[in-house]
Each structure stands twice: as structure tokens, then as C-alpha cells.
Amino acid sequence: MRSTKNRLPCHAAGPGNRRMVKKMEVTRDEVFQVVRGQLEVLNASLGYEFLREVTYNTPIYTSEESIASVELVGFAVELEEAINERFESDITLTDTEALANENNPYESVERLVEFVIVRLLA
């Protein structure tokens, strides 16, 4: 049985992007696991050193170390699908606000996890 400690309520989306009354809970660690899994899949074909061991501090798309922009878009699409499947939601992570956000949610794993949680709770 999973612990409910640090769980946040999440409203799952249903058919036609309509919000349902159904509630689920999401933890920061659960979102991290999905993000890490998708980065590991991406890195299996790319072999980036900085993605070898994914933590909350791992950079994704920064000025120092980052994946290429075309890889970022592919990663964002795959992550969006994985998040929506895992949390039975219908959020988007590839809209203009997400990809052109001044506070780049794709800068690090930690920022991305927080961004996903905000979207799930909206």
C-alpha cells in the first residue's frame, strides 16, 4: 500500500477534455519517476553524460548542458503522453506557454516536476 504522505489532490480529466469529479492524488516522487523514466528512454539513444544519472538537479534545457531543441520537443511530447497515461489526465506540456516560459520549466528536472504538478492540479 502506498503512503499518502506528501500527496497532492489531482483532478483527472475525462473524454473531451472535460474535468470529471473523480479525484486522484499525485506525489512529487511519482511525477519525478515519470520524468526520469522518459529522460532515460531519451538518453538510451543519445548517450548524454549529464543524463546518465537523473536527479532533481539534472539539467534538461539550459545554456550550459542541454539536449538539442528538436530533442526537447520530442521529449516534451513523450513526457506529456506518459504523464497523461499515468495520472489519467489531459494536460499539455507542449503549448507556447510551456515551451516559451520565461521561467523555463525544462531547465531542470526539479523545475519540470513542479511545472507538471501545477498543470495536474489546475
C-alpha atoms as a PDB file:
ATOM      1  CA  MET A   1       0.000   0.000   0.000  1.00  0.00           C
ATOM      2  CA  ARG A   2       1.349   3.418  -0.938  1.00  0.00           C
ATOM      3  CA  SER A   3       1.878   6.084   1.651  1.00  0.00           C
ATOM      4  CA  THR A   4      -0.359   9.125   1.357  1.00  0.00           C
ATOM      5  CA  LYS A   5       2.315  11.365   2.860  1.00  0.00           C
ATOM      6  CA  ASN A   6       3.097  14.384   0.653  1.00  0.00           C
ATOM      7  CA  ARG A   7       0.265  13.528  -1.727  1.00  0.00           C
ATOM      8  CA  LEU A   8      -1.435  16.309  -3.617  1.00  0.00           C
ATOM      9  CA  PRO A   9      -5.005  16.070  -4.955  1.00  0.00           C
ATOM     10  CA  CYS A  10      -5.329  15.866  -8.703  1.00  0.00           C
ATOM     11  CA  HIS A  11      -8.483  16.082 -10.766  1.00  0.00           C
ATOM     12  CA  ALA A  12      -8.356  13.584 -13.600  1.00  0.00           C
ATOM     13  CA  ALA A  13      -9.603  14.683 -16.985  1.00  0.00           C
ATOM     14  CA  GLY A  14     -12.075  12.656 -18.944  1.00  0.00           C
ATOM     15  CA  PRO A  15     -13.164  12.365 -22.561  1.00  0.00           C
ATOM     16  CA  GLY A  16     -13.414  15.601 -24.474  1.00  0.00           C
ATOM     17  CA  ASN A  17     -11.086  17.427 -22.071  1.00  0.00           C
ATOM     18  CA  ARG A  18     -13.894  17.813 -19.542  1.00  0.00           C
ATOM     19  CA  ARG A  19     -12.939  17.675 -15.910  1.00  0.00           C
ATOM     20  CA  MET A  20     -14.507  14.822 -14.024  1.00  0.00           C
ATOM     21  CA  VAL A  21     -15.392  14.706 -10.352  1.00  0.00           C
ATOM     22  CA  LYS A  22     -13.028  11.764  -9.991  1.00  0.00           C
ATOM     23  CA  LYS A  23     -10.107  12.715  -7.774  1.00  0.00           C
ATOM     24  CA  MET A  24      -6.726  11.122  -7.562  1.00  0.00           C
ATOM     25  CA  GLU A  25      -3.610  12.012  -5.707  1.00  0.00           C
ATOM     26  CA  VAL A  26      -0.156  12.638  -7.021  1.00  0.00           C
ATOM     27  CA  THR A  27       3.164  12.879  -5.244  1.00  0.00           C
ATOM     28  CA  ARG A  28       6.231  14.792  -6.272  1.00  0.00           C
ATOM     29  CA  ASP A  29       8.129  11.496  -6.325  1.00  0.00           C
ATOM     30  CA  GLU A  30       5.595   9.900  -8.682  1.00  0.00           C
ATOM     31  CA  VAL A  31       5.956  12.763 -11.143  1.00  0.00           C
ATOM     32  CA  PHE A  32       9.755  12.583 -10.775  1.00  0.00           C
ATOM     33  CA  GLN A  33       9.695   8.872 -11.606  1.00  0.00           C
ATOM     34  CA  VAL A  34       7.802   9.527 -14.857  1.00  0.00           C
ATOM     35  CA  VAL A  35      10.129  12.403 -15.838  1.00  0.00           C
ATOM     36  CA  ARG A  36      13.221  10.346 -15.009  1.00  0.00           C
ATOM     37  CA  GLY A  37      11.900   7.372 -16.958  1.00  0.00           C
ATOM     38  CA  GLN A  38      11.306   9.472 -20.059  1.00  0.00           C
ATOM     39  CA  LEU A  39      14.755  11.056 -19.804  1.00  0.00           C
ATOM     40  CA  GLU A  40      16.311   7.601 -19.516  1.00  0.00           C
ATOM     41  CA  VAL A  41      14.457   6.464 -22.640  1.00  0.00           C
ATOM     42  CA  LEU A  42      15.648   9.571 -24.485  1.00  0.00           C
ATOM     43  CA  ASN A  43      19.209   9.149 -23.298  1.00  0.00           C
ATOM     44  CA  ALA A  44      19.365   5.490 -24.303  1.00  0.00           C
ATOM     45  CA  SER A  45      19.713   6.661 -27.902  1.00  0.00           C
ATOM     46  CA  LEU A  46      21.614   9.915 -27.268  1.00  0.00           C
ATOM     47  CA  GLY A  47      24.184   8.995 -24.632  1.00  0.00           C
ATOM     48  CA  TYR A  48      24.476  12.380 -22.928  1.00  0.00           C
ATOM     49  CA  GLU A  49      26.831  12.245 -19.951  1.00  0.00           C
ATOM     50  CA  PHE A  50      24.751  14.737 -17.927  1.00  0.00           C
ATOM     51  CA  LEU A  51      21.668  12.492 -18.298  1.00  0.00           C
ATOM     52  CA  ARG A  52      23.458   9.352 -17.171  1.00  0.00           C
ATOM     53  CA  GLU A  53      22.184   9.655 -13.597  1.00  0.00           C
ATOM     54  CA  VAL A  54      18.968  11.673 -13.389  1.00  0.00           C
ATOM     55  CA  THR A  55      18.280  13.600 -10.161  1.00  0.00           C
ATOM     56  CA  TYR A  56      16.186  16.655  -9.344  1.00  0.00           C
ATOM     57  CA  ASN A  57      19.240  18.808 -10.166  1.00  0.00           C
ATOM     58  CA  THR A  58      19.793  17.310 -13.613  1.00  0.00           C
ATOM     59  CA  PRO A  59      19.716  19.983 -16.326  1.00  0.00           C
ATOM     60  CA  ILE A  60      17.479  19.394 -19.325  1.00  0.00           C
ATOM     61  CA  TYR A  61      17.494  22.513 -21.460  1.00  0.00           C
ATOM     62  CA  THR A  62      19.876  25.208 -20.248  1.00  0.00           C
ATOM     63  CA  SER A  63      22.678  27.274 -21.681  1.00  0.00           C
ATOM     64  CA  GLU A  64      25.396  25.073 -20.152  1.00  0.00           C
ATOM     65  CA  GLU A  65      24.290  21.484 -20.677  1.00  0.00           C
ATOM     66  CA  SER A  66      21.202  20.626 -22.618  1.00  0.00           C
ATOM     67  CA  ILE A  67      19.544  18.434 -25.118  1.00  0.00           C
ATOM     68  CA  ALA A  68      19.035  19.891 -28.600  1.00  0.00           C
ATOM     69  CA  SER A  69      15.830  21.838 -29.194  1.00  0.00           C
ATOM     70  CA  VAL A  70      14.449  19.207 -31.573  1.00  0.00           C
ATOM     71  CA  GLU A  71      15.093  16.575 -28.896  1.00  0.00           C
ATOM     72  CA  LEU A  72      13.371  18.790 -26.324  1.00  0.00           C
ATOM     73  CA  VAL A  73      10.193  18.903 -28.368  1.00  0.00           C
ATOM     74  CA  GLY A  74      10.197  15.119 -28.830  1.00  0.00           C
ATOM     75  CA  PHE A  75      10.876  14.611 -25.126  1.00  0.00           C
ATOM     76  CA  ALA A  76       8.069  17.021 -24.178  1.00  0.00           C
ATOM     77  CA  VAL A  77       5.575  15.170 -26.386  1.00  0.00           C
ATOM     78  CA  GLU A  78       6.582  11.770 -24.990  1.00  0.00           C
ATOM     79  CA  LEU A  79       6.510  13.084 -21.417  1.00  0.00           C
ATOM     80  CA  GLU A  80       3.081  14.627 -21.939  1.00  0.00           C
ATOM     81  CA  GLU A  81       1.742  11.265 -23.123  1.00  0.00           C
ATOM     82  CA  ALA A  82       3.368   9.392 -20.221  1.00  0.00           C
ATOM     83  CA  ILE A  83       2.052  11.866 -17.624  1.00  0.00           C
ATOM     84  CA  ASN A  84      -1.464  11.788 -19.048  1.00  0.00           C
ATOM     85  CA  GLU A  85      -1.459   7.989 -19.105  1.00  0.00           C
ATOM     86  CA  ARG A  86      -0.025   7.614 -15.600  1.00  0.00           C
ATOM     87  CA  PHE A  87      -2.261  10.201 -13.941  1.00  0.00           C
ATOM     88  CA  GLU A  88      -5.342   9.763 -16.152  1.00  0.00           C
ATOM     89  CA  SER A  89      -5.166  13.435 -17.032  1.00  0.00           C
ATOM     90  CA  ASP A  90      -5.297  15.552 -20.153  1.00  0.00           C
ATOM     91  CA  ILE A  91      -2.672  18.214 -19.568  1.00  0.00           C
ATOM     92  CA  THR A  92      -0.424  19.735 -22.175  1.00  0.00           C
ATOM     93  CA  LEU A  93       3.297  20.312 -21.732  1.00  0.00           C
ATOM     94  CA  THR A  94       3.977  21.408 -25.294  1.00  0.00           C
ATOM     95  CA  ASP A  95       1.976  24.603 -25.589  1.00  0.00           C
ATOM     96  CA  THR A  96       3.547  28.005 -26.194  1.00  0.00           C
ATOM     97  CA  GLU A  97       3.351  28.904 -22.511  1.00  0.00           C
ATOM     98  CA  ALA A  98       5.327  25.813 -21.549  1.00  0.00           C
ATOM     99  CA  LEU A  99       7.938  25.994 -24.282  1.00  0.00           C
ATOM    100  CA  ALA A 100       8.425  29.768 -24.210  1.00  0.00           C
ATOM    101  CA  ASN A 101       8.010  30.291 -20.480  1.00  0.00           C
ATOM    102  CA  GLU A 102      10.338  32.936 -19.060  1.00  0.00           C
ATOM    103  CA  ASN A 103      10.922  30.621 -16.096  1.00  0.00           C
ATOM    104  CA  ASN A 104      11.864  27.733 -18.393  1.00  0.00           C
ATOM    105  CA  PRO A 105      10.176  24.659 -16.887  1.00  0.00           C
ATOM    106  CA  TYR A 106      12.543  22.497 -18.935  1.00  0.00           C
ATOM    107  CA  GLU A 107      15.655  23.994 -17.353  1.00  0.00           C
ATOM    108  CA  SER A 108      15.992  21.190 -14.801  1.00  0.00           C
ATOM    109  CA  VAL A 109      14.207  18.079 -13.646  1.00  0.00           C
ATOM    110  CA  GLU A 110      13.104  19.865 -10.472  1.00  0.00           C
ATOM    111  CA  ARG A 111      11.500  22.756 -12.376  1.00  0.00           C
ATOM    112  CA  LEU A 112       9.820  20.349 -14.759  1.00  0.00           C
ATOM    113  CA  VAL A 113       8.402  18.232 -11.933  1.00  0.00           C
ATOM    114  CA  GLU A 114       6.982  21.355 -10.274  1.00  0.00           C
ATOM    115  CA  PHE A 115       5.558  22.564 -13.605  1.00  0.00           C
ATOM    116  CA  VAL A 116       3.861  19.210 -14.208  1.00  0.00           C
ATOM    117  CA  ILE A 117       2.364  19.242 -10.715  1.00  0.00           C
ATOM    118  CA  VAL A 118       0.959  22.748 -11.269  1.00  0.00           C
ATOM    119  CA  ARG A 119      -0.597  21.610 -14.536  1.00  0.00           C
ATOM    120  CA  LEU A 120      -2.050  18.476 -12.932  1.00  0.00           C
ATOM    121  CA  LEU A 121      -3.610  20.488 -10.117  1.00  0.00           C
ATOM    122  CA  ALA A 122      -5.042  23.225 -12.358  1.00  0.00           C
END
